[in-house]
Amino acid sequence: MQGIATVIKLVAVFAAATMLGRWFLDEIKMSTIRKEPWHKPYLSLPGLIMLAVIFLLPVLIWIIKSSG
């Protein structure tokens, strides 16, 4: 039973990551069509979420490892 819960959690994380990635890719495509600067998609909501994850994930892993 615990294995099924783990699989459901993994599928949920992968689905969320896929949706965020596609949303960000759409922002990049729209920015290219509008001929905006290269950094403009990174200032959109999906871009900021991705940047926050990239910068905060190592910090969270470090905190979890140091507290254990």
Protein backbone atom coordinates (compact mmCIF):
# COMPACT_ATOMS: atom_id res chain seq x y z
CA MET A 1 0.00 0.00 0.00
CA GLN A 2 2.87 2.35 0.76
CA GLY A 3 4.32 1.74 -2.71
CA ILE A 4 1.11 2.88 -4.37
CA ALA A 5 1.15 6.13 -2.39
CA THR A 6 4.75 6.74 -3.44
CA VAL A 7 3.88 6.19 -7.10
CA ILE A 8 0.91 8.58 -6.84
CA LYS A 9 3.17 11.24 -5.29
CA LEU A 10 5.76 10.80 -8.05
CA VAL A 11 3.14 11.04 -10.78
CA ALA A 12 1.75 14.21 -9.22
CA VAL A 13 5.19 15.83 -9.08
CA PHE A 14 5.97 14.86 -12.67
CA ALA A 15 2.60 16.15 -13.87
CA ALA A 16 3.12 19.49 -12.10
CA ALA A 17 6.64 19.78 -13.53
CA THR A 18 5.35 19.02 -17.02
CA MET A 19 2.58 21.61 -16.75
CA LEU A 20 5.00 24.25 -15.46
CA GLY A 21 7.50 23.46 -18.20
CA ARG A 22 4.90 23.71 -20.95
CA TRP A 23 3.59 26.96 -19.48
CA PHE A 24 7.12 28.38 -19.47
CA LEU A 25 7.73 27.16 -23.03
CA ASP A 26 4.55 28.93 -24.15
CA GLU A 27 5.86 32.13 -22.54
CA ILE A 28 9.12 31.75 -24.45
CA LYS A 29 7.28 31.22 -27.73
CA MET A 30 5.04 34.24 -27.18
CA SER A 31 8.04 36.35 -26.24
CA THR A 32 9.81 35.30 -29.43
CA ILE A 33 6.75 36.13 -31.54
CA ARG A 34 6.48 39.57 -29.89
CA LYS A 35 10.25 40.07 -30.36
CA GLU A 36 10.74 40.86 -26.68
CA PRO A 37 14.14 40.65 -24.93
CA TRP A 38 15.45 37.18 -24.06
CA HIS A 39 14.98 37.74 -20.33
CA LYS A 40 11.28 38.62 -20.53
CA PRO A 41 9.96 35.01 -20.08
CA TYR A 42 12.02 34.66 -16.90
CA LEU A 43 10.10 37.59 -15.39
CA SER A 44 6.72 35.94 -16.01
CA LEU A 45 4.99 33.85 -13.34
CA PRO A 46 6.20 30.44 -14.59
CA GLY A 47 9.71 31.82 -15.03
CA LEU A 48 9.79 33.18 -11.50
CA ILE A 49 8.49 29.88 -10.12
CA MET A 50 11.22 28.00 -11.96
CA LEU A 51 13.92 30.40 -10.77
CA ALA A 52 12.69 30.11 -7.19
CA VAL A 53 12.80 26.32 -7.38
CA ILE A 54 16.28 26.34 -8.91
CA PHE A 55 17.69 28.62 -6.22
CA LEU A 56 15.73 27.35 -3.19
CA LEU A 57 15.95 23.61 -3.77
CA PRO A 58 19.65 23.30 -2.84
CA VAL A 59 19.04 25.38 0.28
CA LEU A 60 16.11 23.20 1.32
CA ILE A 61 18.13 20.03 0.74
CA TRP A 62 20.98 21.43 2.81
CA ILE A 63 18.62 22.33 5.67
CA ILE A 64 17.01 18.89 5.64
CA LYS A 65 20.37 17.11 5.63
CA SER A 66 21.85 19.28 8.38
CA SER A 67 18.86 18.89 10.69
CA GLY A 68 18.91 15.10 10.57
